[in-house]
Protein backbone atom coordinates (compact mmCIF):
# COMPACT_ATOMS: atom_id res chain seq x y z
CA MET A 1 -108.16 -232.63 151.93
CA ARG A 2 -106.87 -235.81 150.52
CA ARG A 3 -104.22 -238.11 151.38
CA PRO A 4 -100.96 -238.16 149.47
CA LEU A 5 -98.25 -240.85 149.42
CA ALA A 6 -97.12 -239.20 152.63
CA LEU A 7 -94.03 -241.19 153.53
CA THR A 8 -92.12 -244.03 151.97
CA LEU A 9 -89.74 -246.60 153.35
CA ALA A 10 -86.94 -244.14 152.73
CA LEU A 11 -88.52 -241.64 155.05
CA ALA A 12 -89.68 -244.20 157.56
CA LEU A 13 -86.14 -245.47 158.03
CA GLY A 14 -84.71 -241.98 158.04
CA LEU A 15 -82.65 -242.55 154.89
CA VAL A 16 -82.90 -238.94 153.76
CA LEU A 17 -80.78 -237.33 151.08
CA THR A 18 -80.31 -233.59 150.99
CA THR A 19 -80.94 -231.41 147.98
CA ALA A 20 -79.17 -228.22 147.09
CA GLY A 21 -80.38 -225.42 149.29
CA CYS A 22 -82.20 -227.55 151.85
CA ALA A 23 -79.39 -229.24 153.77
CA ARG A 24 -80.34 -227.31 156.90
CA THR A 25 -83.70 -229.13 157.03
CA GLN A 26 -82.11 -232.58 157.31
CA GLY A 27 -80.67 -233.80 160.59
CA ALA A 28 -80.63 -236.49 163.22
CA GLY A 29 -83.90 -235.23 164.68
CA TYR A 30 -85.73 -235.75 161.43
CA TYR A 31 -84.20 -239.19 161.02
CA TRP A 32 -85.21 -240.13 164.54
CA GLN A 33 -88.84 -238.98 164.34
CA SER A 34 -89.21 -240.86 161.06
CA LEU A 35 -87.82 -244.08 162.45
CA THR A 36 -89.60 -243.99 165.81
CA GLY A 37 -92.89 -242.76 164.35
CA HIS A 38 -93.14 -245.60 161.88
CA ALA A 39 -91.90 -248.12 164.45
CA GLU A 40 -94.67 -247.07 166.84
CA LEU A 41 -97.28 -247.44 164.11
CA MET A 42 -96.07 -250.96 163.32
CA TRP A 43 -95.86 -251.89 167.01
CA ARG A 44 -99.47 -250.87 167.63
CA ALA A 45 -100.81 -252.99 164.73
CA ARG A 46 -102.52 -256.31 165.45
CA PRO A 47 -104.07 -258.78 162.97
CA ILE A 48 -107.68 -257.98 162.08
CA ASP A 49 -108.80 -261.39 163.27
CA ASP A 50 -107.34 -260.66 166.71
CA TRP A 51 -109.48 -257.54 166.92
CA LEU A 52 -112.55 -259.41 165.69
CA ASP A 53 -112.03 -262.16 168.27
CA ASP A 54 -111.37 -259.73 171.12
CA PRO A 55 -114.57 -259.32 173.23
CA HIS A 56 -113.44 -255.80 174.19
CA THR A 57 -113.48 -254.56 170.59
CA PRO A 58 -116.38 -252.08 170.18
CA ASP A 59 -119.14 -253.33 167.87
CA ALA A 60 -118.78 -250.32 165.55
CA LEU A 61 -115.08 -251.03 165.07
CA ARG A 62 -115.73 -254.75 164.66
CA GLN A 63 -118.15 -254.05 161.81
CA ARG A 64 -115.72 -251.69 160.06
CA LEU A 65 -112.85 -254.16 160.31
CA ALA A 66 -115.00 -256.93 158.90
CA LEU A 67 -115.96 -254.60 156.03
CA ALA A 68 -112.31 -253.68 155.42
CA LYS A 69 -111.41 -257.35 155.37
CA ARG A 70 -113.92 -257.92 152.58
CA MET A 71 -112.56 -254.91 150.70
CA ARG A 72 -109.02 -256.26 150.98
CA ALA A 73 -110.09 -259.57 149.45
CA PHE A 74 -112.03 -257.74 146.72
CA ALA A 75 -108.92 -255.70 145.87
CA VAL A 76 -107.14 -258.93 144.98
CA THR A 77 -109.89 -260.86 143.23
CA ALA A 78 -111.60 -258.05 141.32
CA LEU A 79 -108.93 -255.34 140.92
CA ASP A 80 -105.76 -257.44 140.61
CA LEU A 81 -104.13 -255.42 143.38
CA PRO A 82 -101.28 -257.04 145.34
CA ASP A 83 -102.04 -260.01 147.55
CA ASN A 84 -99.59 -259.36 150.36
CA ALA A 85 -99.37 -258.48 154.07
CA SER A 86 -100.69 -254.91 153.80
CA TYR A 87 -104.08 -254.03 155.32
CA HIS A 88 -104.51 -257.29 157.18
CA ARG A 89 -103.74 -255.57 160.50
CA TYR A 90 -105.21 -252.63 162.39
CA ALA A 91 -103.69 -250.01 164.69
CA ASP A 92 -105.21 -247.29 166.86
CA LEU A 93 -102.72 -244.43 166.96
CA GLY A 94 -104.72 -242.35 169.41
CA ARG A 95 -104.57 -239.29 167.14
CA ARG A 96 -106.43 -237.89 164.13
CA ALA A 97 -103.74 -238.36 161.48
CA ALA A 98 -101.02 -240.83 160.59
CA VAL A 99 -98.67 -237.99 159.68
CA TYR A 100 -98.74 -234.26 159.00
CA ASN A 101 -97.45 -232.99 155.69
CA VAL A 102 -95.70 -229.69 155.06
CA VAL A 103 -95.94 -228.21 151.55
CA ALA A 104 -94.55 -224.94 150.24
CA ALA A 105 -94.63 -222.92 147.02
CA PRO A 106 -93.52 -219.45 145.90
CA ALA A 107 -95.97 -216.55 146.06
CA LEU A 108 -96.32 -216.46 142.26
CA SER A 109 -96.04 -220.13 141.35
CA LEU A 110 -97.90 -223.40 141.84
CA LYS A 111 -94.67 -225.39 141.67
CA LEU A 112 -94.04 -227.06 144.99
CA GLN A 113 -90.70 -226.96 146.73
CA THR A 114 -89.27 -230.47 146.74
CA TRP A 115 -87.23 -232.61 149.10
CA CYS A 116 -85.42 -235.72 147.94
CA PHE A 117 -85.22 -239.25 149.34
CA PRO A 118 -83.43 -242.38 148.09
CA VAL A 119 -86.51 -244.49 147.26
CA ALA A 120 -89.18 -241.87 146.63
CA GLY A 121 -87.01 -239.47 144.67
CA CYS A 122 -87.89 -235.79 144.91
CA VAL A 123 -91.37 -235.11 146.29
CA GLY A 124 -93.25 -231.94 147.10
CA TYR A 125 -93.86 -232.51 150.81
CA ARG A 126 -92.22 -233.31 154.14
CA GLY A 127 -93.97 -235.67 156.54
CA TYR A 128 -93.92 -235.60 160.34
CA TYR A 129 -95.56 -237.92 162.84
CA HIS A 130 -96.30 -235.10 165.29
CA GLU A 131 -98.16 -231.96 164.27
CA GLY A 132 -95.97 -229.75 166.44
CA ASP A 133 -92.85 -230.90 164.58
CA ALA A 134 -94.54 -230.17 161.25
CA GLN A 135 -95.53 -226.70 162.38
CA THR A 136 -91.99 -226.02 163.64
CA PHE A 137 -90.51 -227.04 160.31
CA ALA A 138 -93.09 -224.95 158.44
CA ARG A 139 -92.09 -221.87 160.44
CA SER A 140 -88.43 -222.48 159.58
CA LEU A 141 -89.02 -222.14 155.84
CA ASP A 142 -88.37 -218.99 153.84
CA PRO A 143 -91.06 -216.47 154.87
CA GLN A 144 -91.54 -215.54 151.21
CA LEU A 145 -92.93 -219.03 150.55
CA GLU A 146 -96.58 -219.89 150.94
CA VAL A 147 -96.70 -222.83 153.34
CA ALA A 148 -99.40 -225.24 154.51
CA VAL A 149 -99.55 -228.07 157.05
CA TYR A 150 -102.30 -230.65 156.70
CA PRO A 151 -103.20 -234.01 158.29
CA VAL A 152 -102.76 -237.22 156.30
CA PRO A 153 -104.83 -240.25 157.32
CA ALA A 154 -102.67 -242.91 155.63
CA TYR A 155 -99.42 -243.47 153.77
CA SER A 156 -97.80 -246.20 151.75
CA THR A 157 -94.42 -247.84 152.24
CA LEU A 158 -94.65 -249.06 148.62
CA GLY A 159 -94.63 -252.70 149.70
CA TRP A 160 -91.12 -252.46 151.13
CA MET A 161 -92.40 -253.17 154.65
CA ASN A 162 -94.54 -256.22 153.83
CA TRP A 163 -91.85 -258.43 155.37
CA ALA A 164 -92.61 -256.70 158.70
CA GLY A 165 -96.40 -256.94 158.48
CA GLY A 166 -97.18 -254.40 155.79
CA ASP A 167 -99.14 -251.18 155.98
CA PRO A 168 -101.95 -251.45 158.56
CA LEU A 169 -105.47 -250.11 158.63
CA LEU A 170 -105.64 -247.16 161.02
CA ASN A 171 -108.13 -245.46 163.30
CA THR A 172 -107.50 -242.31 161.28
CA PHE A 173 -109.67 -243.60 158.44
CA ILE A 174 -111.41 -246.82 159.49
CA GLN A 175 -114.71 -244.99 160.21
CA TYR A 176 -114.82 -243.33 156.78
CA PRO A 177 -118.04 -243.88 154.80
CA GLU A 178 -117.91 -247.20 152.97
CA GLY A 179 -117.04 -245.80 149.55
CA GLU A 180 -114.33 -243.57 151.01
CA LEU A 181 -112.79 -246.43 152.95
CA ALA A 182 -112.65 -248.52 149.77
CA ARG A 183 -111.10 -245.65 147.82
CA LEU A 184 -108.35 -245.17 150.36
CA VAL A 185 -107.40 -248.85 150.56
CA PHE A 186 -107.40 -249.22 146.77
CA HIS A 187 -105.36 -246.02 146.34
CA GLU A 188 -102.62 -247.07 148.74
CA LEU A 189 -102.43 -250.57 147.28
CA ALA A 190 -102.05 -249.04 143.81
CA HIS A 191 -98.80 -247.46 144.97
CA GLN A 192 -97.53 -251.00 145.56
CA VAL A 193 -98.31 -251.91 141.94
CA LEU A 194 -96.18 -249.14 140.51
CA TYR A 195 -94.11 -246.21 141.70
CA VAL A 196 -91.98 -243.97 139.48
CA LYS A 197 -89.23 -242.33 141.44
CA GLY A 198 -89.51 -238.55 141.45
CA ASP A 199 -92.76 -238.30 139.44
CA THR A 200 -95.43 -237.39 141.99
CA ALA A 201 -98.08 -236.37 139.45
CA PHE A 202 -97.75 -239.69 137.59
CA ASN A 203 -97.84 -241.77 140.78
CA GLU A 204 -100.73 -239.98 142.45
CA SER A 205 -102.81 -239.66 139.30
CA PHE A 206 -102.38 -243.39 138.64
CA ALA A 207 -103.38 -244.30 142.20
CA THR A 208 -106.32 -241.90 142.07
CA ALA A 209 -107.52 -243.47 138.82
CA VAL A 210 -107.28 -246.94 140.40
CA GLU A 211 -109.22 -245.83 143.45
CA ARG A 212 -112.00 -244.31 141.33
CA LEU A 213 -112.27 -247.30 139.03
CA GLY A 214 -112.02 -249.68 141.95
CA VAL A 215 -114.69 -248.05 144.07
CA GLN A 216 -117.08 -248.03 141.11
CA ARG A 217 -116.64 -251.78 140.81
CA TRP A 218 -116.91 -252.33 144.58
CA LEU A 219 -120.14 -250.36 144.85
CA ALA A 220 -121.62 -252.12 141.82
CA GLU A 221 -120.66 -255.67 142.79
CA ALA A 222 -120.12 -255.89 146.54
CA SER A 223 -122.01 -253.09 148.27
CA THR A 224 -125.55 -252.05 149.18
CA PRO A 225 -128.01 -249.52 147.71
CA ALA A 226 -127.64 -247.37 150.82
CA ALA A 227 -123.85 -247.26 150.52
CA ARG A 228 -124.10 -246.48 146.80
CA ALA A 229 -126.48 -243.58 147.48
CA GLU A 230 -124.25 -242.25 150.25
CA TYR A 231 -121.19 -242.37 148.04
CA LEU A 232 -122.97 -240.77 145.09
CA ALA A 233 -123.97 -237.75 147.18
CA PHE A 234 -120.49 -237.46 148.67
CA ASP A 235 -118.69 -237.87 145.37
CA GLN A 236 -120.89 -235.37 143.54
CA ARG A 237 -119.93 -232.72 146.09
CA ARG A 238 -116.27 -233.67 145.85
CA GLN A 239 -116.21 -233.54 142.07
CA SER A 240 -117.98 -230.17 142.06
CA PHE A 241 -115.42 -228.80 144.50
CA ARG A 242 -112.53 -230.28 142.54
CA ARG A 243 -113.79 -228.63 139.36
CA LEU A 244 -114.02 -225.31 141.16
CA SER A 245 -110.54 -225.54 142.67
CA GLY A 246 -109.19 -226.80 139.34
CA GLN A 247 -110.56 -223.70 137.64
CA LEU A 248 -108.72 -221.59 140.21
CA ARG A 249 -105.47 -223.43 139.49
CA SER A 250 -105.89 -222.80 135.77
CA ARG A 251 -106.58 -219.10 136.32
CA LEU A 252 -103.58 -218.71 138.58
CA GLN A 253 -101.29 -220.66 136.25
CA ALA A 254 -102.26 -218.37 133.38
CA ILE A 255 -101.53 -215.31 135.54
CA TYR A 256 -98.17 -216.60 136.76
CA ASP A 257 -97.07 -217.64 133.26
CA ASP A 258 -98.00 -214.35 131.55
CA PRO A 259 -94.71 -212.65 130.55
CA ALA A 260 -96.51 -209.36 129.92
CA LEU A 261 -97.38 -208.95 133.61
CA ASN A 262 -95.08 -207.62 136.29
CA ASP A 263 -95.10 -209.11 139.78
CA ALA A 264 -97.32 -206.40 141.22
CA THR A 265 -99.98 -206.97 138.57
CA LYS A 266 -99.72 -210.74 138.98
CA THR A 267 -100.22 -210.35 142.72
CA GLU A 268 -103.26 -208.12 142.21
CA ARG A 269 -104.85 -210.56 139.76
CA LYS A 270 -104.00 -213.48 142.02
CA HIS A 271 -105.92 -211.87 144.89
CA ALA A 272 -108.87 -211.21 142.57
CA ALA A 273 -108.86 -214.85 141.44
CA MET A 274 -108.79 -216.03 145.06
CA ALA A 275 -111.69 -213.75 145.94
CA GLY A 276 -113.67 -215.01 142.97
CA PHE A 277 -113.01 -218.60 144.05
CA ARG A 278 -114.30 -217.94 147.57
CA HIS A 279 -117.40 -216.23 146.14
CA ASP A 280 -118.11 -219.18 143.86
CA TYR A 281 -117.52 -221.59 146.71
CA ALA A 282 -120.06 -219.76 148.87
CA GLN A 283 -122.62 -220.21 146.10
CA LEU A 284 -121.75 -223.89 145.75
CA LYS A 285 -122.02 -224.36 149.49
CA ALA A 286 -125.46 -222.74 149.49
CA PHE A 287 -126.52 -225.10 146.69
CA TRP A 288 -125.40 -227.99 148.89
CA GLY A 289 -127.60 -226.74 151.70
CA GLY A 290 -124.74 -225.52 153.86
CA TYR A 291 -122.45 -228.56 153.62
CA ALA A 292 -119.26 -227.16 155.15
CA ALA A 293 -116.62 -229.89 154.98
CA TYR A 294 -114.41 -227.85 152.65
CA ASP A 295 -114.56 -224.65 154.69
CA PRO A 296 -111.17 -225.10 156.44
CA TRP A 297 -109.39 -225.77 153.14
CA VAL A 298 -110.99 -222.76 151.45
CA ALA A 299 -110.16 -220.51 154.40
CA ARG A 300 -106.42 -221.18 154.04
CA VAL A 301 -106.12 -221.90 150.34
CA ASN A 302 -102.78 -220.87 148.88
CA ASN A 303 -100.34 -221.91 146.17
CA ALA A 304 -98.96 -224.73 148.29
CA LEU A 305 -102.34 -226.38 148.85
CA LEU A 306 -103.34 -225.89 145.22
CA GLY A 307 -100.07 -227.32 143.96
CA SER A 308 -100.42 -230.34 146.22
CA GLN A 309 -104.00 -230.98 145.13
CA GLY A 310 -103.07 -230.70 141.47
CA ALA A 311 -100.81 -233.76 141.63
CA TYR A 312 -103.83 -235.96 142.27
CA ASP A 313 -105.95 -234.66 139.42
CA GLN A 314 -103.54 -233.90 136.62
CA TYR A 315 -103.46 -237.16 134.66
CA VAL A 316 -106.46 -239.05 136.02
CA PRO A 317 -108.49 -238.69 132.79
CA ALA A 318 -105.52 -240.04 130.82
CA PHE A 319 -105.22 -243.12 133.03
CA GLU A 320 -108.98 -243.70 132.86
CA ALA A 321 -108.77 -243.53 129.06
CA LEU A 322 -105.89 -246.02 129.11
CA PHE A 323 -107.98 -248.37 131.30
CA ALA A 324 -110.82 -248.20 128.75
CA ALA A 325 -108.35 -248.86 125.92
CA GLN A 326 -107.25 -252.02 127.73
CA GLY A 327 -110.79 -253.39 127.73
CA HIS A 328 -111.47 -252.39 131.35
CA ASP A 329 -109.12 -255.17 132.42
CA PHE A 330 -107.02 -254.25 135.46
CA ALA A 331 -104.14 -256.66 134.79
CA ARG A 332 -103.74 -255.39 131.23
CA PHE A 333 -104.08 -251.82 132.47
CA TYR A 334 -101.25 -252.27 134.99
CA ASP A 335 -99.02 -253.76 132.31
CA ALA A 336 -99.73 -250.78 130.05
CA VAL A 337 -98.95 -248.35 132.85
CA ARG A 338 -95.70 -250.17 133.67
CA ALA A 339 -94.68 -249.89 130.03
CA LEU A 340 -95.50 -246.20 130.12
CA ALA A 341 -93.48 -245.75 133.34
CA GLU A 342 -90.37 -247.20 131.68
CA ARG A 343 -90.31 -244.45 129.08
CA PRO A 344 -88.24 -241.27 129.60
CA ALA A 345 -90.06 -238.55 131.52
CA ALA A 346 -90.67 -236.37 128.47
CA GLU A 347 -92.13 -239.28 126.49
CA ARG A 348 -94.23 -240.30 129.47
CA LEU A 349 -95.68 -236.80 129.71
CA ALA A 350 -96.38 -236.63 125.97
CA ALA A 351 -98.15 -240.00 126.07
CA LEU A 352 -100.34 -238.93 128.99
CA GLN A 353 -101.23 -235.68 127.26
CA ALA A 354 -102.15 -237.62 124.12
CA LEU A 355 -104.40 -239.90 126.18
CA THR A 356 -106.17 -237.03 127.94
CA PRO A 357 -109.66 -236.49 126.49
CA ALA A 358 -110.42 -233.06 125.08
CA PRO A 359 -112.39 -230.78 127.44
CA ARG A 360 -116.14 -230.90 126.88
């Protein structure tokens, strides 16, 4: 449903460390697909200006690349995001996703299984460049786990590959609506501002806050009334769905954490909560007039998908509050976040919780 920080330089170069209990998942094949997959992506990328000057470039693509070029400049001048090689090139991969992520969680927990890498630390997903490889790995996991495979349109190499041309724009997202395209570019660039090894919720919540704040400024200062209206309708549906799925996560977390319940009762209440979520979603969908973009996610919702989604939402309100406290100044905001990132994990968590506004 959303893109995560799917792979990092560590994965792209195949520099994978094993964790206890998952050594069997690491091998030369995984190293090789990581290396060759990223190498192919980089090889296919050409400078945006080359595409714009090429008479064979379709007009629709030409317009989107010109728009993305303006967004990239805006990211630097208005959002203080890095001015580097990333997103100055474009690649057509000839497929619908940059990578495919595998996530897994126990039947009575939202805590994702993790895999560890030298640069990224321990993260709750495994990325593959070919869907078949992702599905094969998913089938190899413990059958007692709830597993999901989903397409990811973009990933960040955290700035480590800027010497080689940086992260390119891709066909997997270039035709997104204007506001969505801006959000994605701003999100991935935010990962190059700051990345805390092994803290997925911190990293993704920070990048999600930057994308939301950034797209608000883009639409207000550099866009058109039509694009603003399109984004407003899209974002209202997304926020409504996120609230609904967030309520499900809260219900399930309360069930799983209740020491008075045995596993059989937890399972029964879990199924009831899932059924209630699908009922509420059907009502929301009817209110939208049949808008069905979330149908596939709802059809296969499980602990793994919910746990993955939660990393993007968890601390966003806290980061938005911190941005406001810094006078809505992006440079000051990034400095404050860097200072927060340097604190021990427990202190970091306590500070984010203190920043989080009380529920209305």
